[in-house]
PDB file of N, CA and C in Angstrom:
ATOM      1  N   UNK A   1     -64.828  -1.449 -12.016  1.00  0.00           N
ATOM      2  CA  UNK A   1     -63.651  -0.606 -11.977  1.00  0.00           C
ATOM      3  C   UNK A   1     -63.069  -0.656 -10.573  1.00  0.00           C
ATOM      4  N   UNK A   2     -61.765  -0.801 -10.488  1.00  0.00           N
ATOM      5  CA  UNK A   2     -61.096  -0.807  -9.193  1.00  0.00           C
ATOM      6  C   UNK A   2     -60.957   0.623  -8.690  1.00  0.00           C
ATOM      7  N   UNK A   3     -61.221   0.845  -7.416  1.00  0.00           N
ATOM      8  CA  UNK A   3     -61.149   2.191  -6.860  1.00  0.00           C
ATOM      9  C   UNK A   3     -59.731   2.728  -6.776  1.00  0.00           C
ATOM     10  N   UNK A   4     -58.733   1.863  -6.880  1.00  0.00           N
ATOM     11  CA  UNK A   4     -57.365   2.359  -6.843  1.00  0.00           C
ATOM     12  C   UNK A   4     -56.827   2.677  -8.235  1.00  0.00           C
ATOM     13  N   UNK A   5     -57.662   2.562  -9.267  1.00  0.00           N
ATOM     14  CA  UNK A   5     -57.211   2.835 -10.621  1.00  0.00           C
ATOM     15  C   UNK A   5     -57.379   4.292 -11.014  1.00  0.00           C
ATOM     16  N   UNK A   6     -58.060   5.087 -10.219  1.00  0.00           N
ATOM     17  CA  UNK A   6     -58.188   6.522 -10.479  1.00  0.00           C
ATOM     18  C   UNK A   6     -57.885   7.234  -9.174  1.00  0.00           C
ATOM     19  N   UNK A   7     -56.662   7.684  -9.039  1.00  0.00           N
ATOM     20  CA  UNK A   7     -56.273   8.284  -7.774  1.00  0.00           C
ATOM     21  C   UNK A   7     -56.315   9.804  -7.786  1.00  0.00           C
ATOM     22  N   UNK A   8     -56.561  10.421  -8.957  1.00  0.00           N
ATOM     23  CA  UNK A   8     -56.549  11.885  -9.004  1.00  0.00           C
ATOM     24  C   UNK A   8     -57.922  12.514  -8.823  1.00  0.00           C
ATOM     25  N   UNK A   9     -58.975  11.716  -8.869  1.00  0.00           N
ATOM     26  CA  UNK A   9     -60.333  12.256  -8.834  1.00  0.00           C
ATOM     27  C   UNK A   9     -60.612  13.173  -7.668  1.00  0.00           C
ATOM     28  N   UNK A  10     -60.227  12.764  -6.472  1.00  0.00           N
ATOM     29  CA  UNK A  10     -60.487  13.563  -5.280  1.00  0.00           C
ATOM     30  C   UNK A  10     -59.697  14.874  -5.316  1.00  0.00           C
ATOM     31  N   UNK A  11     -58.469  14.834  -5.803  1.00  0.00           N
ATOM     32  CA  UNK A  11     -57.652  16.042  -5.890  1.00  0.00           C
ATOM     33  C   UNK A  11     -58.227  17.008  -6.912  1.00  0.00           C
ATOM     34  N   UNK A  12     -58.688  16.500  -8.046  1.00  0.00           N
ATOM     35  CA  UNK A  12     -59.303  17.347  -9.071  1.00  0.00           C
ATOM     36  C   UNK A  12     -60.524  18.051  -8.482  1.00  0.00           C
ATOM     37  N   UNK A  13     -61.346  17.305  -7.791  1.00  0.00           N
ATOM     38  CA  UNK A  13     -62.535  17.879  -7.177  1.00  0.00           C
ATOM     39  C   UNK A  13     -62.151  18.965  -6.158  1.00  0.00           C
ATOM     40  N   UNK A  14     -61.156  18.682  -5.319  1.00  0.00           N
ATOM     41  CA  UNK A  14     -60.727  19.645  -4.295  1.00  0.00           C
ATOM     42  C   UNK A  14     -60.170  20.916  -4.927  1.00  0.00           C
ATOM     43  N   UNK A  15     -59.313  20.779  -5.938  1.00  0.00           N
ATOM     44  CA  UNK A  15     -58.745  21.948  -6.604  1.00  0.00           C
ATOM     45  C   UNK A  15     -59.827  22.788  -7.275  1.00  0.00           C
ATOM     46  N   UNK A  16     -60.819  22.125  -7.824  1.00  0.00           N
ATOM     47  CA  UNK A  16     -61.932  22.842  -8.465  1.00  0.00           C
ATOM     48  C   UNK A  16     -62.724  23.620  -7.422  1.00  0.00           C
ATOM     49  N   UNK A  17     -63.033  22.993  -6.305  1.00  0.00           N
ATOM     50  CA  UNK A  17     -63.781  23.671  -5.231  1.00  0.00           C
ATOM     51  C   UNK A  17     -62.988  24.842  -4.658  1.00  0.00           C
ATOM     52  N   UNK A  18     -61.677  24.676  -4.506  1.00  0.00           N
ATOM     53  CA  UNK A  18     -60.845  25.761  -3.978  1.00  0.00           C
ATOM     54  C   UNK A  18     -60.905  27.003  -4.862  1.00  0.00           C
ATOM     55  N   UNK A  19     -61.111  26.795  -6.142  1.00  0.00           N
ATOM     56  CA  UNK A  19     -61.177  27.912  -7.093  1.00  0.00           C
ATOM     57  C   UNK A  19     -62.610  28.403  -7.311  1.00  0.00           C
ATOM     58  N   UNK A  20     -63.555  27.775  -6.642  1.00  0.00           N
ATOM     59  CA  UNK A  20     -64.982  28.124  -6.770  1.00  0.00           C
ATOM     60  C   UNK A  20     -65.476  27.970  -8.207  1.00  0.00           C
ATOM     61  N   UNK A  21     -64.985  26.918  -8.883  1.00  0.00           N
ATOM     62  CA  UNK A  21     -65.411  26.611 -10.242  1.00  0.00           C
ATOM     63  C   UNK A  21     -66.449  25.500 -10.195  1.00  0.00           C
ATOM     64  N   UNK A  22     -67.464  25.618 -11.015  1.00  0.00           N
ATOM     65  CA  UNK A  22     -68.392  24.505 -11.190  1.00  0.00           C
ATOM     66  C   UNK A  22     -67.737  23.511 -12.151  1.00  0.00           C
ATOM     67  N   UNK A  23     -68.336  22.347 -12.279  1.00  0.00           N
ATOM     68  CA  UNK A  23     -67.815  21.390 -13.260  1.00  0.00           C
ATOM     69  C   UNK A  23     -67.903  21.979 -14.657  1.00  0.00           C
ATOM     70  N   UNK A  24     -68.975  22.703 -14.937  1.00  0.00           N
ATOM     71  CA  UNK A  24     -69.108  23.346 -16.253  1.00  0.00           C
ATOM     72  C   UNK A  24     -68.011  24.381 -16.472  1.00  0.00           C
ATOM     73  N   UNK A  25     -67.658  25.150 -15.426  1.00  0.00           N
ATOM     74  CA  UNK A  25     -66.567  26.133 -15.543  1.00  0.00           C
ATOM     75  C   UNK A  25     -65.264  25.442 -15.901  1.00  0.00           C
ATOM     76  N   UNK A  26     -64.950  24.368 -15.184  1.00  0.00           N
ATOM     77  CA  UNK A  26     -63.700  23.651 -15.432  1.00  0.00           C
ATOM     78  C   UNK A  26     -63.688  23.047 -16.826  1.00  0.00           C
ATOM     79  N   UNK A  27     -64.782  22.446 -17.233  1.00  0.00           N
ATOM     80  CA  UNK A  27     -64.857  21.848 -18.565  1.00  0.00           C
ATOM     81  C   UNK A  27     -64.664  22.916 -19.642  1.00  0.00           C
ATOM     82  N   UNK A  28     -65.281  24.079 -19.470  1.00  0.00           N
ATOM     83  CA  UNK A  28     -65.128  25.163 -20.450  1.00  0.00           C
ATOM     84  C   UNK A  28     -63.664  25.587 -20.552  1.00  0.00           C
ATOM     85  N   UNK A  29     -62.989  25.724 -19.419  1.00  0.00           N
ATOM     86  CA  UNK A  29     -61.576  26.107 -19.420  1.00  0.00           C
ATOM     87  C   UNK A  29     -60.721  25.040 -20.108  1.00  0.00           C
ATOM     88  N   UNK A  30     -61.023  23.778 -19.839  1.00  0.00           N
ATOM     89  CA  UNK A  30     -60.281  22.687 -20.475  1.00  0.00           C
ATOM     90  C   UNK A  30     -60.528  22.657 -21.978  1.00  0.00           C
ATOM     91  N   UNK A  31     -61.771  22.860 -22.393  1.00  0.00           N
ATOM     92  CA  UNK A  31     -62.087  22.832 -23.822  1.00  0.00           C
ATOM     93  C   UNK A  31     -61.411  23.981 -24.566  1.00  0.00           C
ATOM     94  N   UNK A  32     -61.317  25.150 -23.931  1.00  0.00           N
ATOM     95  CA  UNK A  32     -60.626  26.286 -24.558  1.00  0.00           C
ATOM     96  C   UNK A  32     -59.152  25.939 -24.786  1.00  0.00           C
ATOM     97  N   UNK A  33     -58.589  25.161 -23.884  1.00  0.00           N
ATOM     98  CA  UNK A  33     -57.189  24.746 -24.002  1.00  0.00           C
ATOM     99  C   UNK A  33     -57.001  23.631 -25.040  1.00  0.00           C
ATOM    100  N   UNK A  34     -58.103  23.056 -25.523  1.00  0.00           N
ATOM    101  CA  UNK A  34     -58.012  22.002 -26.529  1.00  0.00           C
ATOM    102  C   UNK A  34     -58.272  20.606 -26.010  1.00  0.00           C
ATOM    103  N   UNK A  35     -58.686  20.492 -24.756  1.00  0.00           N
ATOM    104  CA  UNK A  35     -58.993  19.184 -24.180  1.00  0.00           C
ATOM    105  C   UNK A  35     -60.446  18.835 -24.481  1.00  0.00           C
ATOM    106  N   UNK A  36     -60.669  17.755 -25.188  1.00  0.00           N
ATOM    107  CA  UNK A  36     -62.027  17.331 -25.527  1.00  0.00           C
ATOM    108  C   UNK A  36     -62.649  16.544 -24.385  1.00  0.00           C
ATOM    109  N   UNK A  37     -63.197  17.233 -23.411  1.00  0.00           N
ATOM    110  CA  UNK A  37     -63.786  16.595 -22.238  1.00  0.00           C
ATOM    111  C   UNK A  37     -65.193  17.151 -22.041  1.00  0.00           C
ATOM    112  N   UNK A  38     -66.067  16.337 -21.524  1.00  0.00           N
ATOM    113  CA  UNK A  38     -67.428  16.776 -21.231  1.00  0.00           C
ATOM    114  C   UNK A  38     -67.629  16.825 -19.721  1.00  0.00           C
ATOM    115  N   UNK A  39     -68.703  17.456 -19.287  1.00  0.00           N
ATOM    116  CA  UNK A  39     -69.000  17.519 -17.861  1.00  0.00           C
ATOM    117  C   UNK A  39     -69.225  16.128 -17.305  1.00  0.00           C
ATOM    118  N   UNK A  40     -69.849  15.277 -18.087  1.00  0.00           N
ATOM    119  CA  UNK A  40     -70.105  13.906 -17.664  1.00  0.00           C
ATOM    120  C   UNK A  40     -68.797  13.152 -17.423  1.00  0.00           C
ATOM    121  N   UNK A  41     -67.842  13.301 -18.313  1.00  0.00           N
ATOM    122  CA  UNK A  41     -66.547  12.643 -18.161  1.00  0.00           C
ATOM    123  C   UNK A  41     -65.841  13.181 -16.919  1.00  0.00           C
ATOM    124  N   UNK A  42     -65.862  14.505 -16.733  1.00  0.00           N
ATOM    125  CA  UNK A  42     -65.245  15.102 -15.545  1.00  0.00           C
ATOM    126  C   UNK A  42     -65.893  14.577 -14.266  1.00  0.00           C
ATOM    127  N   UNK A  43     -67.210  14.513 -14.253  1.00  0.00           N
ATOM    128  CA  UNK A  43     -67.914  14.001 -13.071  1.00  0.00           C
ATOM    129  C   UNK A  43     -67.490  12.567 -12.772  1.00  0.00           C
ATOM    130  N   UNK A  44     -67.335  11.764 -13.809  1.00  0.00           N
ATOM    131  CA  UNK A  44     -66.910  10.372 -13.615  1.00  0.00           C
ATOM    132  C   UNK A  44     -65.470  10.275 -13.115  1.00  0.00           C
ATOM    133  N   UNK A  45     -64.615  11.183 -13.548  1.00  0.00           N
ATOM    134  CA  UNK A  45     -63.236  11.208 -13.045  1.00  0.00           C
ATOM    135  C   UNK A  45     -63.240  11.597 -11.569  1.00  0.00           C
ATOM    136  N   UNK A  46     -63.983  12.645 -11.233  1.00  0.00           N
ATOM    137  CA  UNK A  46     -64.015  13.123  -9.846  1.00  0.00           C
ATOM    138  C   UNK A  46     -64.594  12.084  -8.884  1.00  0.00           C
ATOM    139  N   UNK A  47     -65.553  11.319  -9.340  1.00  0.00           N
ATOM    140  CA  UNK A  47     -66.178  10.311  -8.474  1.00  0.00           C
ATOM    141  C   UNK A  47     -65.524   8.942  -8.616  1.00  0.00           C
ATOM    142  N   UNK A  48     -64.439   8.893  -9.386  1.00  0.00           N
ATOM    143  CA  UNK A  48     -63.628   7.692  -9.564  1.00  0.00           C
ATOM    144  C   UNK A  48     -64.369   6.561 -10.270  1.00  0.00           C
ATOM    145  N   UNK A  49     -65.357   6.920 -11.083  1.00  0.00           N
ATOM    146  CA  UNK A  49     -66.049   5.906 -11.883  1.00  0.00           C
ATOM    147  C   UNK A  49     -65.324   5.635 -13.186  1.00  0.00           C
ATOM    148  N   UNK A  50     -64.465   6.572 -13.602  1.00  0.00           N
ATOM    149  CA  UNK A  50     -63.652   6.327 -14.796  1.00  0.00           C
ATOM    150  C   UNK A  50     -62.263   6.905 -14.571  1.00  0.00           C
ATOM    151  N   UNK A  51     -61.341   6.459 -15.394  1.00  0.00           N
ATOM    152  CA  UNK A  51     -59.935   6.816 -15.252  1.00  0.00           C
ATOM    153  C   UNK A  51     -59.614   7.979 -16.181  1.00  0.00           C
ATOM    154  N   UNK A  52     -58.849   8.934 -15.680  1.00  0.00           N
ATOM    155  CA  UNK A  52     -58.388  10.044 -16.509  1.00  0.00           C
ATOM    156  C   UNK A  52     -57.271   9.556 -17.427  1.00  0.00           C
ATOM    157  N   UNK A  53     -57.282  10.020 -18.660  1.00  0.00           N
ATOM    158  CA  UNK A  53     -56.217   9.667 -19.596  1.00  0.00           C
ATOM    159  C   UNK A  53     -54.979  10.499 -19.292  1.00  0.00           C
ATOM    160  N   UNK A  54     -53.862  10.102 -19.862  1.00  0.00           N
ATOM    161  CA  UNK A  54     -52.632  10.860 -19.649  1.00  0.00           C
ATOM    162  C   UNK A  54     -52.778  12.288 -20.164  1.00  0.00           C
ATOM    163  N   UNK A  55     -53.427  12.472 -21.295  1.00  0.00           N
ATOM    164  CA  UNK A  55     -53.621  13.820 -21.843  1.00  0.00           C
ATOM    165  C   UNK A  55     -54.527  14.652 -20.939  1.00  0.00           C
ATOM    166  N   UNK A  56     -55.580  14.045 -20.417  1.00  0.00           N
ATOM    167  CA  UNK A  56     -56.469  14.774 -19.510  1.00  0.00           C
ATOM    168  C   UNK A  56     -55.724  15.203 -18.253  1.00  0.00           C
ATOM    169  N   UNK A  57     -54.847  14.350 -17.752  1.00  0.00           N
ATOM    170  CA  UNK A  57     -54.076  14.683 -16.554  1.00  0.00           C
ATOM    171  C   UNK A  57     -53.181  15.892 -16.824  1.00  0.00           C
ATOM    172  N   UNK A  58     -52.537  15.923 -17.975  1.00  0.00           N
ATOM    173  CA  UNK A  58     -51.679  17.053 -18.327  1.00  0.00           C
ATOM    174  C   UNK A  58     -52.515  18.332 -18.437  1.00  0.00           C
ATOM    175  N   UNK A  59     -53.656  18.257 -19.107  1.00  0.00           N
ATOM    176  CA  UNK A  59     -54.524  19.429 -19.231  1.00  0.00           C
ATOM    177  C   UNK A  59     -55.025  19.898 -17.867  1.00  0.00           C
ATOM    178  N   UNK A  60     -55.404  18.959 -17.009  1.00  0.00           N
ATOM    179  CA  UNK A  60     -55.887  19.330 -15.677  1.00  0.00           C
ATOM    180  C   UNK A  60     -54.802  20.045 -14.882  1.00  0.00           C
ATOM    181  N   UNK A  61     -53.582  19.545 -14.946  1.00  0.00           N
ATOM    182  CA  UNK A  61     -52.481  20.206 -14.242  1.00  0.00           C
ATOM    183  C   UNK A  61     -52.278  21.622 -14.782  1.00  0.00           C
ATOM    184  N   UNK A  62     -52.358  21.773 -16.092  1.00  0.00           N
ATOM    185  CA  UNK A  62     -52.167  23.089 -16.702  1.00  0.00           C
ATOM    186  C   UNK A  62     -53.273  24.062 -16.301  1.00  0.00           C
ATOM    187  N   UNK A  63     -54.506  23.620 -16.339  1.00  0.00           N
ATOM    188  CA  UNK A  63     -55.614  24.523 -16.032  1.00  0.00           C
ATOM    189  C   UNK A  63     -55.596  24.947 -14.570  1.00  0.00           C
ATOM    190  N   UNK A  64     -55.137  24.069 -13.685  1.00  0.00           N
ATOM    191  CA  UNK A  64     -55.037  24.403 -12.267  1.00  0.00           C
ATOM    192  C   UNK A  64     -53.730  25.128 -11.939  1.00  0.00           C
ATOM    193  N   UNK A  65     -52.786  25.110 -12.881  1.00  0.00           N
ATOM    194  CA  UNK A  65     -51.503  25.766 -12.653  1.00  0.00           C
ATOM    195  C   UNK A  65     -50.641  25.042 -11.640  1.00  0.00           C
ATOM    196  N   UNK A  66     -50.677  23.708 -11.665  1.00  0.00           N
ATOM    197  CA  UNK A  66     -49.887  22.899 -10.736  1.00  0.00           C
ATOM    198  C   UNK A  66     -49.064  21.890 -11.527  1.00  0.00           C
ATOM    199  N   UNK A  67     -48.050  21.339 -10.876  1.00  0.00           N
ATOM    200  CA  UNK A  67     -47.291  20.242 -11.478  1.00  0.00           C
ATOM    201  C   UNK A  67     -48.178  19.002 -11.539  1.00  0.00           C
ATOM    202  N   UNK A  68     -47.953  18.163 -12.524  1.00  0.00           N
ATOM    203  CA  UNK A  68     -48.729  16.932 -12.674  1.00  0.00           C
ATOM    204  C   UNK A  68     -48.694  16.116 -11.387  1.00  0.00           C
ATOM    205  N   UNK A  69     -47.547  16.039 -10.753  1.00  0.00           N
ATOM    206  CA  UNK A  69     -47.407  15.259  -9.530  1.00  0.00           C
ATOM    207  C   UNK A  69     -48.322  15.714  -8.406  1.00  0.00           C
ATOM    208  N   UNK A  70     -48.713  16.977  -8.409  1.00  0.00           N
ATOM    209  CA  UNK A  70     -49.589  17.489  -7.350  1.00  0.00           C
ATOM    210  C   UNK A  70     -51.001  16.903  -7.441  1.00  0.00           C
ATOM    211  N   UNK A  71     -51.373  16.398  -8.614  1.00  0.00           N
ATOM    212  CA  UNK A  71     -52.697  15.791  -8.772  1.00  0.00           C
ATOM    213  C   UNK A  71     -52.778  14.439  -8.067  1.00  0.00           C
ATOM    214  N   UNK A  72     -51.640  13.819  -7.853  1.00  0.00           N
ATOM    215  CA  UNK A  72     -51.596  12.483  -7.257  1.00  0.00           C
ATOM    216  C   UNK A  72     -51.400  12.578  -5.752  1.00  0.00           C
ATOM    217  N   UNK A  73     -52.092  11.721  -5.006  1.00  0.00           N
ATOM    218  CA  UNK A  73     -51.907  11.732  -3.548  1.00  0.00           C
ATOM    219  C   UNK A  73     -50.535  11.172  -3.199  1.00  0.00           C
ATOM    220  N   UNK A  74     -50.026  11.508  -2.012  1.00  0.00           N
ATOM    221  CA  UNK A  74     -48.744  10.928  -1.601  1.00  0.00           C
ATOM    222  C   UNK A  74     -48.888   9.424  -1.434  1.00  0.00           C
ATOM    223  N   UNK A  75     -47.801   8.728  -1.618  1.00  0.00           N
ATOM    224  CA  UNK A  75     -47.813   7.270  -1.487  1.00  0.00           C
ATOM    225  C   UNK A  75     -48.007   6.881  -0.030  1.00  0.00           C
ATOM    226  N   UNK A  76     -48.982   6.043   0.247  1.00  0.00           N
ATOM    227  CA  UNK A  76     -49.122   5.566   1.626  1.00  0.00           C
ATOM    228  C   UNK A  76     -47.972   4.612   1.952  1.00  0.00           C
ATOM    229  N   UNK A  77     -47.644   4.520   3.203  1.00  0.00           N
ATOM    230  CA  UNK A  77     -46.555   3.631   3.614  1.00  0.00           C
ATOM    231  C   UNK A  77     -47.094   2.496   4.466  1.00  0.00           C
ATOM    232  N   UNK A  78     -46.450   1.358   4.334  1.00  0.00           N
ATOM    233  CA  UNK A  78     -46.767   0.227   5.211  1.00  0.00           C
ATOM    234  C   UNK A  78     -46.147   0.505   6.577  1.00  0.00           C
ATOM    235  N   UNK A  79     -46.434  -0.346   7.511  1.00  0.00           N
ATOM    236  CA  UNK A  79     -45.894  -0.169   8.861  1.00  0.00           C
ATOM    237  C   UNK A  79     -44.364  -0.214   8.879  1.00  0.00           C
ATOM    238  N   UNK A  80     -43.763  -0.884   7.881  1.00  0.00           N
ATOM    239  CA  UNK A  80     -42.295  -0.944   7.828  1.00  0.00           C
ATOM    240  C   UNK A  80     -41.698   0.224   7.040  1.00  0.00           C
ATOM    241  N   UNK A  81     -42.550   1.161   6.585  1.00  0.00           N
ATOM    242  CA  UNK A  81     -42.062   2.358   5.911  1.00  0.00           C
ATOM    243  C   UNK A  81     -41.982   2.274   4.405  1.00  0.00           C
ATOM    244  N   UNK A  82     -42.230   1.090   3.809  1.00  0.00           N
ATOM    245  CA  UNK A  82     -42.162   0.980   2.352  1.00  0.00           C
ATOM    246  C   UNK A  82     -43.486   1.422   1.743  1.00  0.00           C
ATOM    247  N   UNK A  83     -43.436   2.080   0.574  1.00  0.00           N
ATOM    248  CA  UNK A  83     -44.663   2.534  -0.071  1.00  0.00           C
ATOM    249  C   UNK A  83     -45.521   1.368  -0.558  1.00  0.00           C
ATOM    250  N   UNK A  84     -46.801   1.639  -0.760  1.00  0.00           N
ATOM    251  CA  UNK A  84     -47.774   0.640  -1.177  1.00  0.00           C
ATOM    252  C   UNK A  84     -48.140   0.858  -2.644  1.00  0.00           C
ATOM    253  N   UNK A  85     -48.446  -0.206  -3.369  1.00  0.00           N
ATOM    254  CA  UNK A  85     -49.038  -0.131  -4.705  1.00  0.00           C
ATOM    255  C   UNK A  85     -48.096   0.364  -5.776  1.00  0.00           C
ATOM    256  N   UNK A  86     -48.585   1.296  -6.585  1.00  0.00           N
ATOM    257  CA  UNK A  86     -47.835   1.828  -7.718  1.00  0.00           C
ATOM    258  C   UNK A  86     -46.516   2.411  -7.234  1.00  0.00           C
ATOM    259  N   UNK A  87     -46.542   3.067  -6.087  1.00  0.00           N
ATOM    260  CA  UNK A  87     -45.315   3.644  -5.542  1.00  0.00           C
ATOM    261  C   UNK A  87     -44.280   2.559  -5.293  1.00  0.00           C
ATOM    262  N   UNK A  88     -44.712   1.390  -4.875  1.00  0.00           N
ATOM    263  CA  UNK A  88     -43.793   0.272  -4.633  1.00  0.00           C
ATOM    264  C   UNK A  88     -43.132  -0.149  -5.934  1.00  0.00           C
ATOM    265  N   UNK A  89     -43.921  -0.204  -7.012  1.00  0.00           N
ATOM    266  CA  UNK A  89     -43.363  -0.590  -8.304  1.00  0.00           C
ATOM    267  C   UNK A  89     -42.294   0.395  -8.746  1.00  0.00           C
ATOM    268  N   UNK A  90     -42.560   1.695  -8.580  1.00  0.00           N
ATOM    269  CA  UNK A  90     -41.587   2.708  -8.976  1.00  0.00           C
ATOM    270  C   UNK A  90     -40.347   2.625  -8.101  1.00  0.00           C
ATOM    271  N   UNK A  91     -40.530   2.427  -6.806  1.00  0.00           N
ATOM    272  CA  UNK A  91     -39.386   2.324  -5.897  1.00  0.00           C
ATOM    273  C   UNK A  91     -38.548   1.095  -6.224  1.00  0.00           C
ATOM    274  N   UNK A  92     -39.197  -0.012  -6.574  1.00  0.00           N
ATOM    275  CA  UNK A  92     -38.481  -1.229  -6.936  1.00  0.00           C
ATOM    276  C   UNK A  92     -37.661  -1.001  -8.192  1.00  0.00           C
ATOM    277  N   UNK A  93     -38.232  -0.319  -9.189  1.00  0.00           N
ATOM    278  CA  UNK A  93     -37.495  -0.032 -10.426  1.00  0.00           C
ATOM    279  C   UNK A  93     -36.273   0.821 -10.120  1.00  0.00           C
ATOM    280  N   UNK A  94     -36.437   1.834  -9.247  1.00  0.00           N
ATOM    281  CA  UNK A  94     -35.312   2.710  -8.934  1.00  0.00           C
ATOM    282  C   UNK A  94     -34.195   1.941  -8.231  1.00  0.00           C
ATOM    283  N   UNK A  95     -34.550   0.995  -7.359  1.00  0.00           N
ATOM    284  CA  UNK A  95     -33.528   0.229  -6.659  1.00  0.00           C
ATOM    285  C   UNK A  95     -32.753  -0.654  -7.624  1.00  0.00           C
ATOM    286  N   UNK A  96     -33.414  -1.171  -8.660  1.00  0.00           N
ATOM    287  CA  UNK A  96     -32.747  -2.063  -9.622  1.00  0.00           C
ATOM    288  C   UNK A  96     -31.797  -1.301 -10.515  1.00  0.00           C
ATOM    289  N   UNK A  97     -32.086  -0.042 -10.759  1.00  0.00           N
ATOM    290  CA  UNK A  97     -31.270   0.738 -11.716  1.00  0.00           C
ATOM    291  C   UNK A  97     -29.943   1.151 -11.162  1.00  0.00           C
TER     292      UNK A  97
END
């Protein structure tokens, strides 16, 4: 698995710690909302061993009470100021439109 394929793991872990929730607490809250996730899956997302699905990302944003975009880190910039990676693809699409 590429380490750049799961960029929300660290943010999920940080938001959980800020709320003083254990992984079991977070999983219970997600399951009550209808998200079928286990503690093992959450641990793998947080440690970037597996990728969160689009539905899991939406549920995570809801349970933390944040916008989906807040789960993602800001786009890093190259020395010339252009964003790197996925952000570059989105910026390129916007310029073409």
